[in-house]
């Protein structure tokens, strides 16, 4: 199984972009 994981727990240095959750 291939697991696609969003390691999005940095809110300060590398805040995630909302549109990336759909595009990735």
PDBML (XML) file of the C-alpha atoms, coordinates in Angstrom:
<?xml version="1.0" encoding="UTF-8" ?>
<PDBx:datablock datablockName="MODEL"
   xmlns:PDBx="http://pdbml.pdb.org/schema/pdbx-v50.xsd"
   xmlns:xsi="http://www.w3.org/2001/XMLSchema-instance"
   xsi:schemaLocation="http://pdbml.pdb.org/schema/pdbx-v50.xsd pdbx-v50.xsd">
   <PDBx:atom_siteCategory>
      <PDBx:atom_site id="1">
         <PDBx:B_iso_or_equiv>0.00</PDBx:B_iso_or_equiv>
         <PDBx:Cartn_x>0.000</PDBx:Cartn_x>
         <PDBx:Cartn_y>0.000</PDBx:Cartn_y>
         <PDBx:Cartn_z>0.000</PDBx:Cartn_z>
         <PDBx:auth_asym_id>A</PDBx:auth_asym_id>
         <PDBx:auth_atom_id>CA</PDBx:auth_atom_id>
         <PDBx:auth_comp_id>UNK</PDBx:auth_comp_id>
         <PDBx:auth_seq_id>1</PDBx:auth_seq_id>
         <PDBx:group_PDB>ATOM</PDBx:group_PDB>
         <PDBx:label_alt_id xsi:nil="true" />
         <PDBx:label_asym_id>A</PDBx:label_asym_id>
         <PDBx:label_atom_id>CA</PDBx:label_atom_id>
         <PDBx:label_comp_id>UNK</PDBx:label_comp_id>
         <PDBx:label_entity_id>1</PDBx:label_entity_id>
         <PDBx:label_seq_id>1</PDBx:label_seq_id>
         <PDBx:occupancy>1.00</PDBx:occupancy>
         <PDBx:pdbx_PDB_model_num>1</PDBx:pdbx_PDB_model_num>
         <PDBx:type_symbol>C</PDBx:type_symbol>
      </PDBx:atom_site>
      <PDBx:atom_site id="2">
         <PDBx:B_iso_or_equiv>0.00</PDBx:B_iso_or_equiv>
         <PDBx:Cartn_x>1.137</PDBx:Cartn_x>
         <PDBx:Cartn_y>3.510</PDBx:Cartn_y>
         <PDBx:Cartn_z>-0.834</PDBx:Cartn_z>
         <PDBx:auth_asym_id>A</PDBx:auth_asym_id>
         <PDBx:auth_atom_id>CA</PDBx:auth_atom_id>
         <PDBx:auth_comp_id>UNK</PDBx:auth_comp_id>
         <PDBx:auth_seq_id>2</PDBx:auth_seq_id>
         <PDBx:group_PDB>ATOM</PDBx:group_PDB>
         <PDBx:label_alt_id xsi:nil="true" />
         <PDBx:label_asym_id>A</PDBx:label_asym_id>
         <PDBx:label_atom_id>CA</PDBx:label_atom_id>
         <PDBx:label_comp_id>UNK</PDBx:label_comp_id>
         <PDBx:label_entity_id>1</PDBx:label_entity_id>
         <PDBx:label_seq_id>2</PDBx:label_seq_id>
         <PDBx:occupancy>1.00</PDBx:occupancy>
         <PDBx:pdbx_PDB_model_num>1</PDBx:pdbx_PDB_model_num>
         <PDBx:type_symbol>C</PDBx:type_symbol>
      </PDBx:atom_site>
      <PDBx:atom_site id="3">
         <PDBx:B_iso_or_equiv>0.00</PDBx:B_iso_or_equiv>
         <PDBx:Cartn_x>0.440</PDBx:Cartn_x>
         <PDBx:Cartn_y>5.991</PDBx:Cartn_y>
         <PDBx:Cartn_z>1.954</PDBx:Cartn_z>
         <PDBx:auth_asym_id>A</PDBx:auth_asym_id>
         <PDBx:auth_atom_id>CA</PDBx:auth_atom_id>
         <PDBx:auth_comp_id>UNK</PDBx:auth_comp_id>
         <PDBx:auth_seq_id>3</PDBx:auth_seq_id>
         <PDBx:group_PDB>ATOM</PDBx:group_PDB>
         <PDBx:label_alt_id xsi:nil="true" />
         <PDBx:label_asym_id>A</PDBx:label_asym_id>
         <PDBx:label_atom_id>CA</PDBx:label_atom_id>
         <PDBx:label_comp_id>UNK</PDBx:label_comp_id>
         <PDBx:label_entity_id>1</PDBx:label_entity_id>
         <PDBx:label_seq_id>3</PDBx:label_seq_id>
         <PDBx:occupancy>1.00</PDBx:occupancy>
         <PDBx:pdbx_PDB_model_num>1</PDBx:pdbx_PDB_model_num>
         <PDBx:type_symbol>C</PDBx:type_symbol>
      </PDBx:atom_site>
      <PDBx:atom_site id="4">
         <PDBx:B_iso_or_equiv>0.00</PDBx:B_iso_or_equiv>
         <PDBx:Cartn_x>0.207</PDBx:Cartn_x>
         <PDBx:Cartn_y>9.660</PDBx:Cartn_y>
         <PDBx:Cartn_z>1.018</PDBx:Cartn_z>
         <PDBx:auth_asym_id>A</PDBx:auth_asym_id>
         <PDBx:auth_atom_id>CA</PDBx:auth_atom_id>
         <PDBx:auth_comp_id>UNK</PDBx:auth_comp_id>
         <PDBx:auth_seq_id>4</PDBx:auth_seq_id>
         <PDBx:group_PDB>ATOM</PDBx:group_PDB>
         <PDBx:label_alt_id xsi:nil="true" />
         <PDBx:label_asym_id>A</PDBx:label_asym_id>
         <PDBx:label_atom_id>CA</PDBx:label_atom_id>
         <PDBx:label_comp_id>UNK</PDBx:label_comp_id>
         <PDBx:label_entity_id>1</PDBx:label_entity_id>
         <PDBx:label_seq_id>4</PDBx:label_seq_id>
         <PDBx:occupancy>1.00</PDBx:occupancy>
         <PDBx:pdbx_PDB_model_num>1</PDBx:pdbx_PDB_model_num>
         <PDBx:type_symbol>C</PDBx:type_symbol>
      </PDBx:atom_site>
      <PDBx:atom_site id="5">
         <PDBx:B_iso_or_equiv>0.00</PDBx:B_iso_or_equiv>
         <PDBx:Cartn_x>0.843</PDBx:Cartn_x>
         <PDBx:Cartn_y>11.633</PDBx:Cartn_y>
         <PDBx:Cartn_z>4.186</PDBx:Cartn_z>
         <PDBx:auth_asym_id>A</PDBx:auth_asym_id>
         <PDBx:auth_atom_id>CA</PDBx:auth_atom_id>
         <PDBx:auth_comp_id>UNK</PDBx:auth_comp_id>
         <PDBx:auth_seq_id>5</PDBx:auth_seq_id>
         <PDBx:group_PDB>ATOM</PDBx:group_PDB>
         <PDBx:label_alt_id xsi:nil="true" />
         <PDBx:label_asym_id>A</PDBx:label_asym_id>
         <PDBx:label_atom_id>CA</PDBx:label_atom_id>
         <PDBx:label_comp_id>UNK</PDBx:label_comp_id>
         <PDBx:label_entity_id>1</PDBx:label_entity_id>
         <PDBx:label_seq_id>5</PDBx:label_seq_id>
         <PDBx:occupancy>1.00</PDBx:occupancy>
         <PDBx:pdbx_PDB_model_num>1</PDBx:pdbx_PDB_model_num>
         <PDBx:type_symbol>C</PDBx:type_symbol>
      </PDBx:atom_site>
      <PDBx:atom_site id="6">
         <PDBx:B_iso_or_equiv>0.00</PDBx:B_iso_or_equiv>
         <PDBx:Cartn_x>0.588</PDBx:Cartn_x>
         <PDBx:Cartn_y>15.347</PDBx:Cartn_y>
         <PDBx:Cartn_z>4.794</PDBx:Cartn_z>
         <PDBx:auth_asym_id>A</PDBx:auth_asym_id>
         <PDBx:auth_atom_id>CA</PDBx:auth_atom_id>
         <PDBx:auth_comp_id>UNK</PDBx:auth_comp_id>
         <PDBx:auth_seq_id>6</PDBx:auth_seq_id>
         <PDBx:group_PDB>ATOM</PDBx:group_PDB>
         <PDBx:label_alt_id xsi:nil="true" />
         <PDBx:label_asym_id>A</PDBx:label_asym_id>
         <PDBx:label_atom_id>CA</PDBx:label_atom_id>
         <PDBx:label_comp_id>UNK</PDBx:label_comp_id>
         <PDBx:label_entity_id>1</PDBx:label_entity_id>
         <PDBx:label_seq_id>6</PDBx:label_seq_id>
         <PDBx:occupancy>1.00</PDBx:occupancy>
         <PDBx:pdbx_PDB_model_num>1</PDBx:pdbx_PDB_model_num>
         <PDBx:type_symbol>C</PDBx:type_symbol>
      </PDBx:atom_site>
      <PDBx:atom_site id="7">
         <PDBx:B_iso_or_equiv>0.00</PDBx:B_iso_or_equiv>
         <PDBx:Cartn_x>3.145</PDBx:Cartn_x>
         <PDBx:Cartn_y>16.155</PDBx:Cartn_y>
         <PDBx:Cartn_z>7.495</PDBx:Cartn_z>
         <PDBx:auth_asym_id>A</PDBx:auth_asym_id>
         <PDBx:auth_atom_id>CA</PDBx:auth_atom_id>
         <PDBx:auth_comp_id>UNK</PDBx:auth_comp_id>
         <PDBx:auth_seq_id>7</PDBx:auth_seq_id>
         <PDBx:group_PDB>ATOM</PDBx:group_PDB>
         <PDBx:label_alt_id xsi:nil="true" />
         <PDBx:label_asym_id>A</PDBx:label_asym_id>
         <PDBx:label_atom_id>CA</PDBx:label_atom_id>
         <PDBx:label_comp_id>UNK</PDBx:label_comp_id>
         <PDBx:label_entity_id>1</PDBx:label_entity_id>
         <PDBx:label_seq_id>7</PDBx:label_seq_id>
         <PDBx:occupancy>1.00</PDBx:occupancy>
         <PDBx:pdbx_PDB_model_num>1</PDBx:pdbx_PDB_model_num>
         <PDBx:type_symbol>C</PDBx:type_symbol>
      </PDBx:atom_site>
      <PDBx:atom_site id="8">
         <PDBx:B_iso_or_equiv>0.00</PDBx:B_iso_or_equiv>
         <PDBx:Cartn_x>1.547</PDBx:Cartn_x>
         <PDBx:Cartn_y>19.549</PDBx:Cartn_y>
         <PDBx:Cartn_z>8.041</PDBx:Cartn_z>
         <PDBx:auth_asym_id>A</PDBx:auth_asym_id>
         <PDBx:auth_atom_id>CA</PDBx:auth_atom_id>
         <PDBx:auth_comp_id>UNK</PDBx:auth_comp_id>
         <PDBx:auth_seq_id>8</PDBx:auth_seq_id>
         <PDBx:group_PDB>ATOM</PDBx:group_PDB>
         <PDBx:label_alt_id xsi:nil="true" />
         <PDBx:label_asym_id>A</PDBx:label_asym_id>
         <PDBx:label_atom_id>CA</PDBx:label_atom_id>
         <PDBx:label_comp_id>UNK</PDBx:label_comp_id>
         <PDBx:label_entity_id>1</PDBx:label_entity_id>
         <PDBx:label_seq_id>8</PDBx:label_seq_id>
         <PDBx:occupancy>1.00</PDBx:occupancy>
         <PDBx:pdbx_PDB_model_num>1</PDBx:pdbx_PDB_model_num>
         <PDBx:type_symbol>C</PDBx:type_symbol>
      </PDBx:atom_site>
      <PDBx:atom_site id="9">
         <PDBx:B_iso_or_equiv>0.00</PDBx:B_iso_or_equiv>
         <PDBx:Cartn_x>2.341</PDBx:Cartn_x>
         <PDBx:Cartn_y>20.256</PDBx:Cartn_y>
         <PDBx:Cartn_z>11.688</PDBx:Cartn_z>
         <PDBx:auth_asym_id>A</PDBx:auth_asym_id>
         <PDBx:auth_atom_id>CA</PDBx:auth_atom_id>
         <PDBx:auth_comp_id>UNK</PDBx:auth_comp_id>
         <PDBx:auth_seq_id>9</PDBx:auth_seq_id>
         <PDBx:group_PDB>ATOM</PDBx:group_PDB>
         <PDBx:label_alt_id xsi:nil="true" />
         <PDBx:label_asym_id>A</PDBx:label_asym_id>
         <PDBx:label_atom_id>CA</PDBx:label_atom_id>
         <PDBx:label_comp_id>UNK</PDBx:label_comp_id>
         <PDBx:label_entity_id>1</PDBx:label_entity_id>
         <PDBx:label_seq_id>9</PDBx:label_seq_id>
         <PDBx:occupancy>1.00</PDBx:occupancy>
         <PDBx:pdbx_PDB_model_num>1</PDBx:pdbx_PDB_model_num>
         <PDBx:type_symbol>C</PDBx:type_symbol>
      </PDBx:atom_site>
      <PDBx:atom_site id="10">
         <PDBx:B_iso_or_equiv>0.00</PDBx:B_iso_or_equiv>
         <PDBx:Cartn_x>4.600</PDBx:Cartn_x>
         <PDBx:Cartn_y>23.290</PDBx:Cartn_y>
         <PDBx:Cartn_z>11.213</PDBx:Cartn_z>
         <PDBx:auth_asym_id>A</PDBx:auth_asym_id>
         <PDBx:auth_atom_id>CA</PDBx:auth_atom_id>
         <PDBx:auth_comp_id>UNK</PDBx:auth_comp_id>
         <PDBx:auth_seq_id>10</PDBx:auth_seq_id>
         <PDBx:group_PDB>ATOM</PDBx:group_PDB>
         <PDBx:label_alt_id xsi:nil="true" />
         <PDBx:label_asym_id>A</PDBx:label_asym_id>
         <PDBx:label_atom_id>CA</PDBx:label_atom_id>
         <PDBx:label_comp_id>UNK</PDBx:label_comp_id>
         <PDBx:label_entity_id>1</PDBx:label_entity_id>
         <PDBx:label_seq_id>10</PDBx:label_seq_id>
         <PDBx:occupancy>1.00</PDBx:occupancy>
         <PDBx:pdbx_PDB_model_num>1</PDBx:pdbx_PDB_model_num>
         <PDBx:type_symbol>C</PDBx:type_symbol>
      </PDBx:atom_site>
      <PDBx:atom_site id="11">
         <PDBx:B_iso_or_equiv>0.00</PDBx:B_iso_or_equiv>
         <PDBx:Cartn_x>2.425</PDBx:Cartn_x>
         <PDBx:Cartn_y>26.394</PDBx:Cartn_y>
         <PDBx:Cartn_z>11.492</PDBx:Cartn_z>
         <PDBx:auth_asym_id>A</PDBx:auth_asym_id>
         <PDBx:auth_atom_id>CA</PDBx:auth_atom_id>
         <PDBx:auth_comp_id>UNK</PDBx:auth_comp_id>
         <PDBx:auth_seq_id>11</PDBx:auth_seq_id>
         <PDBx:group_PDB>ATOM</PDBx:group_PDB>
         <PDBx:label_alt_id xsi:nil="true" />
         <PDBx:label_asym_id>A</PDBx:label_asym_id>
         <PDBx:label_atom_id>CA</PDBx:label_atom_id>
         <PDBx:label_comp_id>UNK</PDBx:label_comp_id>
         <PDBx:label_entity_id>1</PDBx:label_entity_id>
         <PDBx:label_seq_id>11</PDBx:label_seq_id>
         <PDBx:occupancy>1.00</PDBx:occupancy>
         <PDBx:pdbx_PDB_model_num>1</PDBx:pdbx_PDB_model_num>
         <PDBx:type_symbol>C</PDBx:type_symbol>
      </PDBx:atom_site>
      <PDBx:atom_site id="12">
         <PDBx:B_iso_or_equiv>0.00</PDBx:B_iso_or_equiv>
         <PDBx:Cartn_x>5.306</PDBx:Cartn_x>
         <PDBx:Cartn_y>28.848</PDBx:Cartn_y>
         <PDBx:Cartn_z>11.858</PDBx:Cartn_z>
         <PDBx:auth_asym_id>A</PDBx:auth_asym_id>
         <PDBx:auth_atom_id>CA</PDBx:auth_atom_id>
         <PDBx:auth_comp_id>UNK</PDBx:auth_comp_id>
         <PDBx:auth_seq_id>12</PDBx:auth_seq_id>
         <PDBx:group_PDB>ATOM</PDBx:group_PDB>
         <PDBx:label_alt_id xsi:nil="true" />
         <PDBx:label_asym_id>A</PDBx:label_asym_id>
         <PDBx:label_atom_id>CA</PDBx:label_atom_id>
         <PDBx:label_comp_id>UNK</PDBx:label_comp_id>
         <PDBx:label_entity_id>1</PDBx:label_entity_id>
         <PDBx:label_seq_id>12</PDBx:label_seq_id>
         <PDBx:occupancy>1.00</PDBx:occupancy>
         <PDBx:pdbx_PDB_model_num>1</PDBx:pdbx_PDB_model_num>
         <PDBx:type_symbol>C</PDBx:type_symbol>
      </PDBx:atom_site>
      <PDBx:atom_site id="13">
         <PDBx:B_iso_or_equiv>0.00</PDBx:B_iso_or_equiv>
         <PDBx:Cartn_x>8.185</PDBx:Cartn_x>
         <PDBx:Cartn_y>28.237</PDBx:Cartn_y>
         <PDBx:Cartn_z>9.447</PDBx:Cartn_z>
         <PDBx:auth_asym_id>A</PDBx:auth_asym_id>
         <PDBx:auth_atom_id>CA</PDBx:auth_atom_id>
         <PDBx:auth_comp_id>UNK</PDBx:auth_comp_id>
         <PDBx:auth_seq_id>13</PDBx:auth_seq_id>
         <PDBx:group_PDB>ATOM</PDBx:group_PDB>
         <PDBx:label_alt_id xsi:nil="true" />
         <PDBx:label_asym_id>A</PDBx:label_asym_id>
         <PDBx:label_atom_id>CA</PDBx:label_atom_id>
         <PDBx:label_comp_id>UNK</PDBx:label_comp_id>
         <PDBx:label_entity_id>1</PDBx:label_entity_id>
         <PDBx:label_seq_id>13</PDBx:label_seq_id>
         <PDBx:occupancy>1.00</PDBx:occupancy>
         <PDBx:pdbx_PDB_model_num>1</PDBx:pdbx_PDB_model_num>
         <PDBx:type_symbol>C</PDBx:type_symbol>
      </PDBx:atom_site>
      <PDBx:atom_site id="14">
         <PDBx:B_iso_or_equiv>0.00</PDBx:B_iso_or_equiv>
         <PDBx:Cartn_x>6.352</PDBx:Cartn_x>
         <PDBx:Cartn_y>26.262</PDBx:Cartn_y>
         <PDBx:Cartn_z>6.755</PDBx:Cartn_z>
         <PDBx:auth_asym_id>A</PDBx:auth_asym_id>
         <PDBx:auth_atom_id>CA</PDBx:auth_atom_id>
         <PDBx:auth_comp_id>UNK</PDBx:auth_comp_id>
         <PDBx:auth_seq_id>14</PDBx:auth_seq_id>
         <PDBx:group_PDB>ATOM</PDBx:group_PDB>
         <PDBx:label_alt_id xsi:nil="true" />
         <PDBx:label_asym_id>A</PDBx:label_asym_id>
         <PDBx:label_atom_id>CA</PDBx:label_atom_id>
         <PDBx:label_comp_id>UNK</PDBx:label_comp_id>
         <PDBx:label_entity_id>1</PDBx:label_entity_id>
         <PDBx:label_seq_id>14</PDBx:label_seq_id>
         <PDBx:occupancy>1.00</PDBx:occupancy>
         <PDBx:pdbx_PDB_model_num>1</PDBx:pdbx_PDB_model_num>
         <PDBx:type_symbol>C</PDBx:type_symbol>
      </PDBx:atom_site>
      <PDBx:atom_site id="15">
         <PDBx:B_iso_or_equiv>0.00</PDBx:B_iso_or_equiv>
         <PDBx:Cartn_x>2.606</PDBx:Cartn_x>
         <PDBx:Cartn_y>26.898</PDBx:Cartn_y>
         <PDBx:Cartn_z>7.115</PDBx:Cartn_z>
         <PDBx:auth_asym_id>A</PDBx:auth_asym_id>
         <PDBx:auth_atom_id>CA</PDBx:auth_atom_id>
         <PDBx:auth_comp_id>UNK</PDBx:auth_comp_id>
         <PDBx:auth_seq_id>15</PDBx:auth_seq_id>
         <PDBx:group_PDB>ATOM</PDBx:group_PDB>
         <PDBx:label_alt_id xsi:nil="true" />
         <PDBx:label_asym_id>A</PDBx:label_asym_id>
         <PDBx:label_atom_id>CA</PDBx:label_atom_id>
         <PDBx:label_comp_id>UNK</PDBx:label_comp_id>
         <PDBx:label_entity_id>1</PDBx:label_entity_id>
         <PDBx:label_seq_id>15</PDBx:label_seq_id>
         <PDBx:occupancy>1.00</PDBx:occupancy>
         <PDBx:pdbx_PDB_model_num>1</PDBx:pdbx_PDB_model_num>
         <PDBx:type_symbol>C</PDBx:type_symbol>
      </PDBx:atom_site>
      <PDBx:atom_site id="16">
         <PDBx:B_iso_or_equiv>0.00</PDBx:B_iso_or_equiv>
         <PDBx:Cartn_x>0.670</PDBx:Cartn_x>
         <PDBx:Cartn_y>24.691</PDBx:Cartn_y>
         <PDBx:Cartn_z>4.696</PDBx:Cartn_z>
         <PDBx:auth_asym_id>A</PDBx:auth_asym_id>
         <PDBx:auth_atom_id>CA</PDBx:auth_atom_id>
         <PDBx:auth_comp_id>UNK</PDBx:auth_comp_id>
         <PDBx:auth_seq_id>16</PDBx:auth_seq_id>
         <PDBx:group_PDB>ATOM</PDBx:group_PDB>
         <PDBx:label_alt_id xsi:nil="true" />
         <PDBx:label_asym_id>A</PDBx:label_asym_id>
         <PDBx:label_atom_id>CA</PDBx:label_atom_id>
         <PDBx:label_comp_id>UNK</PDBx:label_comp_id>
         <PDBx:label_entity_id>1</PDBx:label_entity_id>
         <PDBx:label_seq_id>16</PDBx:label_seq_id>
         <PDBx:occupancy>1.00</PDBx:occupancy>
         <PDBx:pdbx_PDB_model_num>1</PDBx:pdbx_PDB_model_num>
         <PDBx:type_symbol>C</PDBx:type_symbol>
      </PDBx:atom_site>
      <PDBx:atom_site id="17">
         <PDBx:B_iso_or_equiv>0.00</PDBx:B_iso_or_equiv>
         <PDBx:Cartn_x>-1.260</PDBx:Cartn_x>
         <PDBx:Cartn_y>26.032</PDBx:Cartn_y>
         <PDBx:Cartn_z>1.706</PDBx:Cartn_z>
         <PDBx:auth_asym_id>A</PDBx:auth_asym_id>
         <PDBx:auth_atom_id>CA</PDBx:auth_atom_id>
         <PDBx:auth_comp_id>UNK</PDBx:auth_comp_id>
         <PDBx:auth_seq_id>17</PDBx:auth_seq_id>
         <PDBx:group_PDB>ATOM</PDBx:group_PDB>
         <PDBx:label_alt_id xsi:nil="true" />
         <PDBx:label_asym_id>A</PDBx:label_asym_id>
         <PDBx:label_atom_id>CA</PDBx:label_atom_id>
         <PDBx:label_comp_id>UNK</PDBx:label_comp_id>
         <PDBx:label_entity_id>1</PDBx:label_entity_id>
         <PDBx:label_seq_id>17</PDBx:label_seq_id>
         <PDBx:occupancy>1.00</PDBx:occupancy>
         <PDBx:pdbx_PDB_model_num>1</PDBx:pdbx_PDB_model_num>
         <PDBx:type_symbol>C</PDBx:type_symbol>
      </PDBx:atom_site>
      <PDBx:atom_site id="18">
         <PDBx:B_iso_or_equiv>0.00</PDBx:B_iso_or_equiv>
         <PDBx:Cartn_x>-4.917</PDBx:Cartn_x>
         <PDBx:Cartn_y>25.023</PDBx:Cartn_y>
         <PDBx:Cartn_z>1.742</PDBx:Cartn_z>
         <PDBx:auth_asym_id>A</PDBx:auth_asym_id>
         <PDBx:auth_atom_id>CA</PDBx:auth_atom_id>
         <PDBx:auth_comp_id>UNK</PDBx:auth_comp_id>
         <PDBx:auth_seq_id>18</PDBx:auth_seq_id>
         <PDBx:group_PDB>ATOM</PDBx:group_PDB>
         <PDBx:label_alt_id xsi:nil="true" />
         <PDBx:label_asym_id>A</PDBx:label_asym_id>
         <PDBx:label_atom_id>CA</PDBx:label_atom_id>
         <PDBx:label_comp_id>UNK</PDBx:label_comp_id>
         <PDBx:label_entity_id>1</PDBx:label_entity_id>
         <PDBx:label_seq_id>18</PDBx:label_seq_id>
         <PDBx:occupancy>1.00</PDBx:occupancy>
         <PDBx:pdbx_PDB_model_num>1</PDBx:pdbx_PDB_model_num>
         <PDBx:type_symbol>C</PDBx:type_symbol>
      </PDBx:atom_site>
      <PDBx:atom_site id="19">
         <PDBx:B_iso_or_equiv>0.00</PDBx:B_iso_or_equiv>
         <PDBx:Cartn_x>-5.087</PDBx:Cartn_x>
         <PDBx:Cartn_y>24.446</PDBx:Cartn_y>
         <PDBx:Cartn_z>-2.030</PDBx:Cartn_z>
         <PDBx:auth_asym_id>A</PDBx:auth_asym_id>
         <PDBx:auth_atom_id>CA</PDBx:auth_atom_id>
         <PDBx:auth_comp_id>UNK</PDBx:auth_comp_id>
         <PDBx:auth_seq_id>19</PDBx:auth_seq_id>
         <PDBx:group_PDB>ATOM</PDBx:group_PDB>
         <PDBx:label_alt_id xsi:nil="true" />
         <PDBx:label_asym_id>A</PDBx:label_asym_id>
         <PDBx:label_atom_id>CA</PDBx:label_atom_id>
         <PDBx:label_comp_id>UNK</PDBx:label_comp_id>
         <PDBx:label_entity_id>1</PDBx:label_entity_id>
         <PDBx:label_seq_id>19</PDBx:label_seq_id>
         <PDBx:occupancy>1.00</PDBx:occupancy>
         <PDBx:pdbx_PDB_model_num>1</PDBx:pdbx_PDB_model_num>
         <PDBx:type_symbol>C</PDBx:type_symbol>
      </PDBx:atom_site>
      <PDBx:atom_site id="20">
         <PDBx:B_iso_or_equiv>0.00</PDBx:B_iso_or_equiv>
         <PDBx:Cartn_x>-2.300</PDBx:Cartn_x>
         <PDBx:Cartn_y>21.859</PDBx:Cartn_y>
         <PDBx:Cartn_z>-1.778</PDBx:Cartn_z>
         <PDBx:auth_asym_id>A</PDBx:auth_asym_id>
         <PDBx:auth_atom_id>CA</PDBx:auth_atom_id>
         <PDBx:auth_comp_id>UNK</PDBx:auth_comp_id>
         <PDBx:auth_seq_id>20</PDBx:auth_seq_id>
         <PDBx:group_PDB>ATOM</PDBx:group_PDB>
         <PDBx:label_alt_id xsi:nil="true" />
         <PDBx:label_asym_id>A</PDBx:label_asym_id>
         <PDBx:label_atom_id>CA</PDBx:label_atom_id>
         <PDBx:label_comp_id>UNK</PDBx:label_comp_id>
         <PDBx:label_entity_id>1</PDBx:label_entity_id>
         <PDBx:label_seq_id>20</PDBx:label_seq_id>
         <PDBx:occupancy>1.00</PDBx:occupancy>
         <PDBx:pdbx_PDB_model_num>1</PDBx:pdbx_PDB_model_num>
         <PDBx:type_symbol>C</PDBx:type_symbol>
      </PDBx:atom_site>
      <PDBx:atom_site id="21">
         <PDBx:B_iso_or_equiv>0.00</PDBx:B_iso_or_equiv>
         <PDBx:Cartn_x>-4.568</PDBx:Cartn_x>
         <PDBx:Cartn_y>19.418</PDBx:Cartn_y>
         <PDBx:Cartn_z>0.085</PDBx:Cartn_z>
         <PDBx:auth_asym_id>A</PDBx:auth_asym_id>
         <PDBx:auth_atom_id>CA</PDBx:auth_atom_id>
         <PDBx:auth_comp_id>UNK</PDBx:auth_comp_id>
         <PDBx:auth_seq_id>21</PDBx:auth_seq_id>
         <PDBx:group_PDB>ATOM</PDBx:group_PDB>
         <PDBx:label_alt_id xsi:nil="true" />
         <PDBx:label_asym_id>A</PDBx:label_asym_id>
         <PDBx:label_atom_id>CA</PDBx:label_atom_id>
         <PDBx:label_comp_id>UNK</PDBx:label_comp_id>
         <PDBx:label_entity_id>1</PDBx:label_entity_id>
         <PDBx:label_seq_id>21</PDBx:label_seq_id>
         <PDBx:occupancy>1.00</PDBx:occupancy>
         <PDBx:pdbx_PDB_model_num>1</PDBx:pdbx_PDB_model_num>
         <PDBx:type_symbol>C</PDBx:type_symbol>
      </PDBx:atom_site>
      <PDBx:atom_site id="22">
         <PDBx:B_iso_or_equiv>0.00</PDBx:B_iso_or_equiv>
         <PDBx:Cartn_x>-6.697</PDBx:Cartn_x>
         <PDBx:Cartn_y>19.132</PDBx:Cartn_y>
         <PDBx:Cartn_z>-3.063</PDBx:Cartn_z>
         <PDBx:auth_asym_id>A</PDBx:auth_asym_id>
         <PDBx:auth_atom_id>CA</PDBx:auth_atom_id>
         <PDBx:auth_comp_id>UNK</PDBx:auth_comp_id>
         <PDBx:auth_seq_id>22</PDBx:auth_seq_id>
         <PDBx:group_PDB>ATOM</PDBx:group_PDB>
         <PDBx:label_alt_id xsi:nil="true" />
         <PDBx:label_asym_id>A</PDBx:label_asym_id>
         <PDBx:label_atom_id>CA</PDBx:label_atom_id>
         <PDBx:label_comp_id>UNK</PDBx:label_comp_id>
         <PDBx:label_entity_id>1</PDBx:label_entity_id>
         <PDBx:label_seq_id>22</PDBx:label_seq_id>
         <PDBx:occupancy>1.00</PDBx:occupancy>
         <PDBx:pdbx_PDB_model_num>1</PDBx:pdbx_PDB_model_num>
         <PDBx:type_symbol>C</PDBx:type_symbol>
      </PDBx:atom_site>
      <PDBx:atom_site id="23">
         <PDBx:B_iso_or_equiv>0.00</PDBx:B_iso_or_equiv>
         <PDBx:Cartn_x>-3.969</PDBx:Cartn_x>
         <PDBx:Cartn_y>19.373</PDBx:Cartn_y>
         <PDBx:Cartn_z>-5.697</PDBx:Cartn_z>
         <PDBx:auth_asym_id>A</PDBx:auth_asym_id>
         <PDBx:auth_atom_id>CA</PDBx:auth_atom_id>
         <PDBx:auth_comp_id>UNK</PDBx:auth_comp_id>
         <PDBx:auth_seq_id>23</PDBx:auth_seq_id>
         <PDBx:group_PDB>ATOM</PDBx:group_PDB>
         <PDBx:label_alt_id xsi:nil="true" />
         <PDBx:label_asym_id>A</PDBx:label_asym_id>
         <PDBx:label_atom_id>CA</PDBx:label_atom_id>
         <PDBx:label_comp_id>UNK</PDBx:label_comp_id>
         <PDBx:label_entity_id>1</PDBx:label_entity_id>
         <PDBx:label_seq_id>23</PDBx:label_seq_id>
         <PDBx:occupancy>1.00</PDBx:occupancy>
         <PDBx:pdbx_PDB_model_num>1</PDBx:pdbx_PDB_model_num>
         <PDBx:type_symbol>C</PDBx:type_symbol>
      </PDBx:atom_site>
      <PDBx:atom_site id="24">
         <PDBx:B_iso_or_equiv>0.00</PDBx:B_iso_or_equiv>
         <PDBx:Cartn_x>-1.450</PDBx:Cartn_x>
         <PDBx:Cartn_y>16.911</PDBx:Cartn_y>
         <PDBx:Cartn_z>-4.241</PDBx:Cartn_z>
         <PDBx:auth_asym_id>A</PDBx:auth_asym_id>
         <PDBx:auth_atom_id>CA</PDBx:auth_atom_id>
         <PDBx:auth_comp_id>UNK</PDBx:auth_comp_id>
         <PDBx:auth_seq_id>24</PDBx:auth_seq_id>
         <PDBx:group_PDB>ATOM</PDBx:group_PDB>
         <PDBx:label_alt_id xsi:nil="true" />
         <PDBx:label_asym_id>A</PDBx:label_asym_id>
         <PDBx:label_atom_id>CA</PDBx:label_atom_id>
         <PDBx:label_comp_id>UNK</PDBx:label_comp_id>
         <PDBx:label_entity_id>1</PDBx:label_entity_id>
         <PDBx:label_seq_id>24</PDBx:label_seq_id>
         <PDBx:occupancy>1.00</PDBx:occupancy>
         <PDBx:pdbx_PDB_model_num>1</PDBx:pdbx_PDB_model_num>
         <PDBx:type_symbol>C</PDBx:type_symbol>
      </PDBx:atom_site>
   </PDBx:atom_siteCategory>
</PDBx:datablock>
